[in-house]
Protein backbone atom coordinates (compact mmCIF):
# COMPACT_ATOMS: atom_id res chain seq x y z
CA MET A 1 99.32 -58.58 -3.87
CA ALA A 2 96.82 -58.79 -1.09
CA LEU A 3 98.84 -56.42 0.98
CA LYS A 4 98.84 -53.91 -1.84
CA THR A 5 94.95 -54.13 -2.26
CA ALA A 6 94.41 -53.53 1.46
CA TRP A 7 96.58 -50.61 1.45
CA ASN A 8 94.61 -49.07 -1.30
CA VAL A 9 91.41 -49.58 0.48
CA ILE A 10 92.66 -47.90 3.59
CA SER A 11 93.95 -44.96 1.51
CA VAL A 12 90.63 -44.40 -0.11
CA VAL A 13 88.61 -44.60 3.21
CA GLY A 14 90.98 -42.19 4.78
CA LEU A 15 90.68 -39.69 1.96
CA ALA A 16 86.87 -39.96 2.09
CA LEU A 17 86.90 -39.04 5.82
CA THR A 18 89.19 -36.25 5.38
CA VAL A 19 87.10 -34.72 2.64
CA HIS A 20 83.83 -35.17 4.59
CA ALA A 21 85.24 -33.37 7.73
CA ALA A 22 86.45 -30.61 5.63
CA SER A 23 83.20 -30.13 3.95
CA ALA A 24 81.29 -30.14 7.24
CA SER A 25 83.49 -27.51 8.88
CA THR A 26 84.20 -25.17 6.08
CA PRO A 27 81.88 -24.78 3.14
CA THR A 28 83.37 -24.33 -0.33
CA PRO A 29 81.61 -22.85 -3.18
CA ASN A 30 82.54 -25.56 -5.60
CA PRO A 31 83.85 -28.62 -3.81
CA ALA A 32 86.43 -30.58 -5.74
CA PRO A 33 85.15 -33.87 -7.06
CA ALA A 34 86.04 -36.92 -5.09
CA PRO A 35 88.96 -38.85 -6.47
CA LYS A 36 88.02 -41.86 -8.35
CA PRO A 37 88.30 -44.93 -6.15
CA SER A 38 90.28 -47.86 -7.18
CA ALA A 39 88.68 -51.03 -8.52
CA VAL A 40 87.78 -52.02 -5.02
CA ASN A 41 84.57 -50.14 -3.87
CA PRO A 42 83.86 -49.30 -0.19
CA PRO A 43 81.85 -51.87 1.67
CA ALA A 44 77.99 -51.80 1.05
CA ALA A 45 77.18 -52.02 4.77
CA LYS A 46 78.67 -48.46 5.52
CA THR A 47 76.87 -46.94 2.63
CA ALA A 48 73.49 -48.34 3.71
CA ALA A 49 74.02 -47.30 7.33
CA LYS A 50 74.22 -43.65 6.40
CA PRO A 51 70.81 -41.96 7.42
CA ALA A 52 68.94 -39.85 5.11
CA THR A 53 69.01 -36.16 6.09
CA ARG A 54 67.09 -33.06 5.04
CA ASN A 55 68.66 -30.72 2.59
CA GLU A 56 70.50 -28.39 4.91
CA PRO A 57 72.06 -25.13 3.84
CA LYS A 58 75.72 -25.19 3.23
CA GLY A 59 77.71 -24.19 6.22
CA ALA A 60 75.21 -25.43 8.81
CA THR A 61 76.67 -27.39 11.73
CA LYS A 62 75.38 -30.64 13.14
CA SER A 63 74.03 -28.82 16.24
CA ASP A 64 72.01 -26.57 13.99
CA ALA A 65 70.60 -29.43 11.98
CA LYS A 66 69.48 -31.15 15.21
CA ALA A 67 67.74 -27.81 16.44
CA ASN A 68 65.94 -27.51 13.11
CA VAL A 69 64.80 -31.13 13.24
CA LYS A 70 63.51 -30.57 16.81
CA ALA A 71 61.63 -27.41 15.83
CA ASP A 72 60.15 -29.19 12.94
CA ALA A 73 58.88 -32.01 15.04
CA ASN A 74 57.31 -29.56 17.50
CA THR A 75 55.66 -27.66 14.64
CA ASP A 76 54.38 -30.78 13.06
CA ALA A 77 52.99 -31.99 16.35
CA LYS A 78 50.84 -28.99 17.01
CA PRO A 79 48.13 -28.49 14.42
CA GLU A 80 47.02 -25.00 13.63
CA PRO A 81 43.77 -24.00 15.49
CA LYS A 82 40.67 -23.70 13.20
CA PRO A 83 39.25 -20.20 13.04
CA GLU A 84 36.00 -19.75 14.78
CA PRO A 85 32.95 -18.96 12.59
CA ASN A 86 32.16 -15.24 12.31
CA ALA A 87 35.23 -14.39 14.33
CA ALA A 88 36.94 -11.15 13.57
CA PRO A 89 40.65 -11.51 12.47
CA LYS A 90 43.10 -10.77 15.24
CA PRO A 91 45.16 -7.59 14.51
CA THR A 92 48.75 -8.14 13.70
CA PRO A 93 51.05 -6.22 15.97
CA ASP A 94 52.86 -3.24 14.27
CA ALA A 95 51.32 -4.26 11.05
CA GLY A 96 49.81 -0.79 10.37
CA PRO A 97 46.74 -0.16 8.24
CA ASN A 98 46.25 -2.34 5.14
CA PRO A 99 46.22 -0.10 2.16
CA ASP A 100 43.98 -2.51 0.31
CA THR A 101 41.17 -2.33 2.95
CA PRO A 102 39.15 0.91 3.06
CA ALA A 103 38.73 2.61 6.46
CA ALA A 104 35.49 2.15 8.29
CA ASP A 105 34.51 5.79 8.04
CA ALA A 106 35.75 6.24 4.61
CA PRO A 107 33.22 6.30 1.85
CA ASP A 108 33.36 3.33 -0.65
CA GLU A 109 34.83 4.36 -3.93
CA HIS A 110 31.70 2.83 -5.51
CA ASP A 111 29.41 5.18 -3.56
CA ALA A 112 30.92 8.29 -5.38
CA HIS A 113 29.83 6.85 -8.67
CA ALA A 114 26.62 5.13 -7.53
CA GLN A 115 23.46 6.46 -9.03
CA PRO A 116 21.11 8.21 -6.49
CA ASP A 117 17.96 6.41 -5.51
CA PRO A 118 15.14 8.05 -7.45
CA LYS A 119 12.68 7.45 -4.61
CA ALA A 120 14.95 9.27 -2.06
CA ASP A 121 14.74 12.64 -3.78
CA THR A 122 11.30 12.34 -5.52
CA GLN A 123 8.70 14.52 -3.95
CA PRO A 124 5.25 13.01 -3.55
CA ALA A 125 3.01 13.75 -6.56
CA PRO A 126 0.72 16.66 -5.99
CA ASP A 127 -2.72 15.64 -4.96
CA SER A 128 -5.62 15.92 -7.55
CA HIS A 129 -7.84 18.96 -7.40
CA ALA A 130 -10.84 16.79 -6.52
CA ASN A 131 -9.08 15.41 -3.45
CA VAL A 132 -7.89 18.91 -2.38
CA VAL A 133 -11.50 20.11 -2.64
CA LYS A 134 -12.71 17.17 -0.58
CA SER A 135 -10.24 17.81 2.19
CA MET A 136 -10.82 21.60 2.12
CA ASP A 137 -12.51 22.99 5.14
CA PRO A 138 -14.93 25.92 4.97
CA GLU A 139 -12.45 28.39 6.39
CA ALA A 140 -9.90 27.65 3.73
CA ALA A 141 -12.50 27.99 1.04
CA LEU A 142 -13.45 31.34 2.54
CA LYS A 143 -9.89 32.50 2.43
CA LEU A 144 -9.66 31.69 -1.22
CA LEU A 145 -12.68 33.79 -2.03
CA GLN A 146 -11.34 36.66 0.02
CA GLU A 147 -8.03 36.64 -1.61
CA GLY A 148 -9.58 36.41 -5.04
CA ASN A 149 -11.90 39.32 -4.38
CA GLU A 150 -8.91 41.54 -3.23
CA ARG A 151 -7.25 40.75 -6.61
CA TRP A 152 -10.41 41.58 -8.52
CA VAL A 153 -10.86 44.93 -6.66
CA SER A 154 -7.17 45.94 -7.19
CA GLY A 155 -7.12 44.92 -10.82
CA LYS A 156 -4.38 42.32 -10.19
CA PHE A 157 -6.53 39.29 -11.06
CA GLU A 158 -4.88 36.04 -12.15
CA ASN A 159 -7.78 34.16 -13.79
CA PRO A 160 -6.58 30.82 -12.44
CA ASN A 161 -7.76 27.49 -13.91
CA THR A 162 -9.29 29.10 -17.01
CA GLY A 163 -7.02 27.48 -19.75
CA THR A 164 -7.73 24.84 -22.25
CA GLU A 165 -6.21 21.96 -20.10
CA ARG A 166 -8.41 22.96 -17.14
CA ARG A 167 -11.59 22.98 -19.21
CA GLN A 168 -10.64 19.55 -20.70
CA GLU A 169 -9.89 18.16 -17.20
CA GLN A 170 -13.24 19.32 -15.70
CA ALA A 171 -15.06 18.02 -18.76
CA ASN A 172 -13.49 14.56 -18.44
CA ALA A 173 -13.24 14.13 -14.68
CA GLY A 174 -16.29 16.11 -13.55
CA GLN A 175 -16.56 19.45 -11.84
CA THR A 176 -14.94 20.02 -8.36
CA PRO A 177 -16.28 23.22 -6.87
CA PHE A 178 -15.22 24.25 -3.43
CA VAL A 179 -17.93 26.70 -2.73
CA THR A 180 -21.66 27.18 -3.59
CA VAL A 181 -22.84 30.75 -4.13
CA LEU A 182 -26.41 31.80 -4.22
CA THR A 183 -26.66 35.34 -5.61
CA CYS A 184 -28.72 37.74 -7.85
CA ALA A 185 -28.87 37.30 -11.61
CA ASP A 186 -27.78 40.91 -12.10
CA SER A 187 -25.40 40.99 -15.16
CA ARG A 188 -23.12 43.36 -13.17
CA LEU A 189 -22.23 40.59 -10.95
CA PRO A 190 -19.92 38.05 -12.65
CA VAL A 191 -19.33 35.69 -9.81
CA GLU A 192 -16.20 33.85 -10.92
CA ARG A 193 -14.51 37.12 -11.83
CA VAL A 194 -15.59 38.81 -8.49
CA PHE A 195 -13.64 35.97 -6.66
CA ASP A 196 -10.95 35.58 -9.32
CA ARG A 197 -11.62 31.85 -9.68
CA GLY A 198 -11.72 29.57 -12.64
CA VAL A 199 -13.57 26.75 -14.39
CA GLY A 200 -15.28 24.24 -12.14
CA GLU A 201 -14.41 26.05 -8.87
CA VAL A 202 -17.59 27.93 -8.08
CA PHE A 203 -21.12 26.26 -8.07
CA VAL A 204 -23.43 29.27 -8.70
CA ILE A 205 -27.22 29.66 -8.32
CA ARG A 206 -28.46 32.88 -9.75
CA VAL A 207 -31.87 34.26 -9.38
CA ALA A 208 -33.33 37.89 -9.21
CA GLY A 209 -33.22 39.14 -5.65
CA ASN A 210 -31.19 36.00 -4.61
CA VAL A 211 -34.44 34.55 -3.22
CA VAL A 212 -34.90 30.89 -2.17
CA GLY A 213 -37.61 28.48 -3.03
CA PRO A 214 -37.59 24.68 -3.41
CA HIS A 215 -35.77 24.82 -6.76
CA GLU A 216 -32.91 26.98 -5.35
CA ALA A 217 -32.89 24.79 -2.13
CA GLY A 218 -32.63 21.69 -4.07
CA THR A 219 -29.74 23.01 -6.20
CA ILE A 220 -27.84 24.05 -3.06
CA GLU A 221 -28.30 20.64 -1.54
CA TYR A 222 -26.74 19.25 -4.63
CA GLY A 223 -23.71 21.51 -4.43
CA ALA A 224 -23.22 20.92 -0.68
CA GLY A 225 -24.05 17.21 -0.52
CA HIS A 226 -23.26 15.70 -3.97
CA LEU A 227 -20.42 17.93 -5.00
CA ASN A 228 -19.09 18.39 -1.41
CA ALA A 229 -18.79 22.15 -1.59
CA ARG A 230 -18.46 22.81 2.19
CA LEU A 231 -18.99 26.60 2.01
CA LEU A 232 -22.18 28.33 1.06
CA VAL A 233 -22.32 31.94 0.42
CA VAL A 234 -25.56 33.84 0.12
CA MET A 235 -24.57 37.20 -1.60
CA GLY A 236 -26.77 40.26 -2.42
CA HIS A 237 -25.39 43.34 -4.10
CA THR A 238 -25.89 47.17 -4.24
CA LYS A 239 -28.33 48.76 -6.63
CA CYS A 240 -30.46 45.53 -6.65
CA GLY A 241 -33.52 46.25 -8.77
CA ALA A 242 -35.65 43.45 -7.20
CA VAL A 243 -35.15 44.88 -3.72
CA ALA A 244 -35.70 48.34 -4.84
CA ALA A 245 -38.93 47.16 -6.45
CA ALA A 246 -39.98 45.59 -3.11
CA CYS A 247 -39.19 48.89 -1.25
CA SER A 248 -41.22 50.96 -3.63
CA GLY A 249 -44.46 49.18 -2.81
CA ALA A 250 -45.40 49.10 -6.36
CA LYS A 251 -47.75 46.35 -7.73
CA LEU A 252 -45.83 44.04 -9.94
CA GLU A 253 -47.54 41.65 -12.49
CA GLY A 254 -46.77 38.03 -13.43
CA ASN A 255 -44.16 35.90 -11.83
CA VAL A 256 -42.10 38.86 -10.94
CA GLY A 257 -44.73 39.93 -8.37
CA ALA A 258 -44.52 36.39 -6.82
CA LEU A 259 -40.63 36.65 -6.66
CA VAL A 260 -40.83 40.10 -5.02
CA GLU A 261 -43.13 38.86 -2.36
CA ASN A 262 -40.30 36.81 -0.96
CA ILE A 263 -38.41 40.10 -0.39
CA ARG A 264 -41.12 42.06 1.40
CA PRO A 265 -40.39 40.66 4.94
CA ALA A 266 -36.83 41.91 4.66
CA VAL A 267 -38.01 45.34 3.71
CA ASP A 268 -40.53 45.45 6.61
CA ARG A 269 -37.67 44.73 9.07
CA ALA A 270 -35.39 47.35 7.51
CA LYS A 271 -38.18 50.02 7.89
CA THR A 272 -38.61 49.04 11.48
CA SER A 273 -34.98 49.10 12.40
CA THR A 274 -33.97 52.21 10.46
CA GLY A 275 -37.16 54.21 9.88
CA ALA A 276 -35.61 55.31 6.66
CA ASP A 277 -37.05 55.36 3.02
CA GLY A 278 -35.74 55.82 -0.41
CA ALA A 279 -32.22 54.80 -1.12
CA THR A 280 -31.31 54.43 2.52
CA LEU A 281 -34.15 52.01 3.02
CA THR A 282 -33.02 49.95 -0.10
CA SER A 283 -29.57 49.82 1.11
CA ALA A 284 -30.64 48.42 4.45
CA ALA A 285 -33.24 46.08 2.94
CA ILE A 286 -30.43 44.58 0.65
CA LYS A 287 -28.66 43.32 3.77
CA GLU A 288 -31.83 42.17 5.49
CA ASN A 289 -32.69 40.35 2.38
CA VAL A 290 -29.45 38.31 2.62
CA TRP A 291 -30.65 37.15 6.04
CA GLN A 292 -34.10 36.49 4.68
CA SER A 293 -32.70 34.18 2.03
CA VAL A 294 -30.75 32.33 4.64
CA PHE A 295 -33.78 31.91 6.78
CA ASP A 296 -35.92 30.75 3.86
CA LEU A 297 -33.14 28.28 2.91
CA LEU A 298 -32.90 26.66 6.31
CA ARG A 299 -36.67 26.54 6.57
CA THR A 300 -37.09 24.87 3.14
CA SER A 301 -34.14 22.45 3.51
CA PRO A 302 -33.91 20.08 6.55
CA GLU A 303 -31.02 18.39 4.65
CA LEU A 304 -28.96 21.47 4.77
CA CYS A 305 -29.86 22.10 8.40
CA LYS A 306 -28.36 18.65 9.15
CA MET A 307 -25.21 19.60 7.33
CA VAL A 308 -24.89 22.91 9.02
CA LYS A 309 -25.45 21.33 12.44
CA SER A 310 -22.83 18.66 11.88
CA GLY A 311 -20.29 21.30 10.73
CA HIS A 312 -20.07 19.86 7.28
CA VAL A 313 -21.25 23.12 5.71
CA LYS A 314 -20.73 26.75 6.75
CA VAL A 315 -23.19 29.42 5.54
CA VAL A 316 -22.13 33.05 5.39
CA GLY A 317 -23.78 36.13 4.03
CA ALA A 318 -22.19 38.83 1.92
CA VAL A 319 -22.98 41.97 -0.21
CA CYS A 320 -21.09 42.95 -3.26
CA ASP A 321 -20.54 46.55 -4.38
CA VAL A 322 -21.14 46.61 -8.10
CA SER A 323 -19.20 49.85 -8.45
CA SER A 324 -16.02 48.82 -6.72
CA GLY A 325 -16.49 45.04 -6.92
CA LYS A 326 -15.57 44.81 -3.18
CA VAL A 327 -17.40 42.08 -1.17
CA GLU A 328 -18.55 42.89 2.32
CA TRP A 329 -18.49 39.78 4.51
CA MET A 330 -21.38 39.49 7.01
CA GLY A 331 -20.64 36.13 8.60
CA GLU A 332 -23.16 33.65 9.80
CA HIS A 333 -26.74 34.49 10.42
CA PRO A 334 -27.13 35.86 13.91
CA TRP A 335 -29.87 33.39 14.78
CA GLN A 336 -28.35 30.47 12.81
CA ASP A 337 -28.06 27.93 15.76
CA ALA A 338 -31.53 28.56 17.00
CA LEU A 339 -33.04 28.38 13.50
CA VAL A 340 -31.25 25.08 12.68
CA GLN A 341 -32.42 23.54 15.92
CA ALA A 342 -35.98 24.77 15.39
CA PHE A 343 -36.31 23.49 11.88
CA ILE A 344 -34.69 20.17 12.53
CA GLY A 345 -37.15 19.77 15.43
CA ARG A 346 -39.98 20.79 13.31
CA ASP A 347 -39.02 18.36 10.64
CA THR A 348 -38.74 15.61 13.22
CA ALA A 349 -42.21 16.37 14.74
CA THR A 350 -43.77 16.38 11.29
CA ALA A 351 -42.24 13.07 10.45
CA ASN A 352 -43.49 11.51 13.69
CA ALA A 353 -47.00 12.99 13.04
CA GLN A 354 -47.03 11.57 9.56
CA SER A 355 -46.00 8.19 10.90
CA GLN A 356 -48.77 8.03 13.53
CA ASP A 357 -51.36 9.10 10.88
CA SER A 358 -50.29 6.23 8.65
CA HIS A 359 -51.02 3.78 11.48
């Protein structure tokens, strides 16, 4: 009985070894189940001595298993290096461009649909008319008058700044003239139309014969100083009745006689320079009277002399033909610099004398 039991144990162990060798050398898709052992189980010591192994793929040899274990040991021994902060990723060889990453020079798809920056294309708002006038130099102001007069003469006038909006603007914000014009009160001389300008652009002083006294000088000081109109035009005109009256030598009554007395020096100079009389004398006296008005203005207004000397104000003479509407520009007074210097010096000397008398 004991011999039979030992034989059975030997048979079971041999069969198990045979099956293990066959499975290690040649894999089978579906290995046959091991035969049921007899009532006697294999020794527990052999079962416990078998080491635990990784799940190897079927068909792998023992040498392959050892190589894998060694490789895994080396991999586990060397930890992966930590990436450096702000370090660019290293390119992968032969990886090619990543279709999910846009090229450096390619525009972002969001840019195509992005709304444009309103500040980028917005032009600066136009400056106010008041600021334009303040920054306008006398030459620019003179050019505006010349261009406007050309339109008036040709009948292609534009009547700028004459609408309701302009009138309301000047009424609310205040007048902003760029030029002061001293001229005759003759009704055939509509100043704004002659220069094709609009509301609030021309500060006009009109008096018969375009003469200058303290009231006219004070008004001009207001236009040049307070309103900042840097150009002053003293303009006579053809067929002027006041100049013609002064040339006739007739005795005039009332205040008209006092007014004409301001024109007589111009008539005397015209007679001396031309030796003419009648209409020719009147024509020459009209131009001389423009210079006379400039002379009287500088003599009467030390404030204006200072503005002229500093270059803040430019004074030019002109004569308008009432038949054609054309303005003849005469430029600055030929003695302007000497007159300004003389009148400023006289004013300074007078102030010093008055100061000494007060002590």
